Amino acid sequence: MDKLVTVATRYLKRWCYSGGGAQCAYTSAGFLIECMQEVDQVHQFLADIRRDAYAGRPLAAT
């Protein structure tokens, strides 16, 4: 995740320095929102897998 943030920051700085500050801000906001949505979907997917894996385990003998 840190590498994604580093690369994204590098590209956003290039866009901003090349002109079009308002467009850059708008594009950056959209990009960050999409990234957050993807992270949330992956988080939910992993939670579902963990829940399914836990539900499939046999109960320990008491």
Protein backbone atom coordinates (compact mmCIF):
# COMPACT_ATOMS: atom_id res chain seq x y z
CA MET A 1 0.00 0.00 0.00
CA ASP A 2 2.87 2.36 0.77
CA LYS A 3 4.26 1.84 -2.74
CA LEU A 4 0.85 2.65 -4.26
CA VAL A 5 0.69 5.89 -2.30
CA THR A 6 4.24 6.81 -3.32
CA VAL A 7 3.61 6.19 -7.02
CA ALA A 8 0.25 7.97 -6.93
CA THR A 9 1.80 10.96 -5.18
CA ARG A 10 4.56 11.14 -7.79
CA TYR A 11 2.06 11.17 -10.67
CA LEU A 12 -0.20 13.70 -8.97
CA LYS A 13 2.75 16.06 -8.43
CA ARG A 14 3.65 15.78 -12.12
CA TRP A 15 0.10 16.65 -13.13
CA CYS A 16 0.01 19.63 -10.80
CA TYR A 17 3.39 20.98 -11.90
CA SER A 18 2.47 20.69 -15.58
CA GLY A 19 -0.40 23.18 -15.11
CA GLY A 20 -4.16 22.91 -14.66
CA GLY A 21 -4.25 23.01 -10.85
CA ALA A 22 -8.05 22.84 -10.54
CA GLN A 23 -8.31 19.96 -12.99
CA CYS A 24 -5.48 18.22 -11.17
CA ALA A 25 -7.28 18.60 -7.84
CA TYR A 26 -10.51 17.25 -9.33
CA THR A 27 -8.73 14.30 -10.95
CA SER A 28 -6.79 13.60 -7.75
CA ALA A 29 -9.94 13.56 -5.65
CA GLY A 30 -11.62 11.14 -8.05
CA PHE A 31 -8.57 8.89 -8.08
CA LEU A 32 -8.34 8.80 -4.29
CA ILE A 33 -12.05 8.03 -3.97
CA GLU A 34 -11.68 5.12 -6.39
CA CYS A 35 -8.67 3.81 -4.45
CA MET A 36 -10.60 3.99 -1.18
CA GLN A 37 -13.51 2.10 -2.74
CA GLU A 38 -11.18 -0.61 -4.03
CA VAL A 39 -9.54 -0.97 -0.61
CA ASP A 40 -12.98 -1.25 1.00
CA GLN A 41 -14.04 -3.94 -1.49
CA VAL A 42 -10.86 -5.93 -0.89
CA HIS A 43 -11.34 -5.59 2.86
CA GLN A 44 -14.92 -6.88 2.58
CA PHE A 45 -13.82 -9.73 0.30
CA LEU A 46 -11.16 -10.85 2.79
CA ALA A 47 -13.63 -10.61 5.67
CA ASP A 48 -16.05 -12.83 3.73
CA ILE A 49 -13.31 -15.38 3.04
CA ARG A 50 -12.26 -15.42 6.69
CA ARG A 51 -15.86 -15.88 7.79
CA ASP A 52 -16.37 -18.73 5.29
CA ALA A 53 -13.11 -20.40 6.31
CA TYR A 54 -13.98 -20.12 9.99
CA ALA A 55 -17.49 -21.50 9.39
CA GLY A 56 -16.02 -24.53 7.59
CA ARG A 57 -13.75 -25.56 10.44
CA PRO A 58 -14.79 -28.52 12.55
CA LEU A 59 -15.55 -27.73 16.16
CA ALA A 60 -12.83 -28.58 18.66
CA ALA A 61 -13.60 -31.44 21.01
CA THR A 62 -14.27 -30.27 24.55
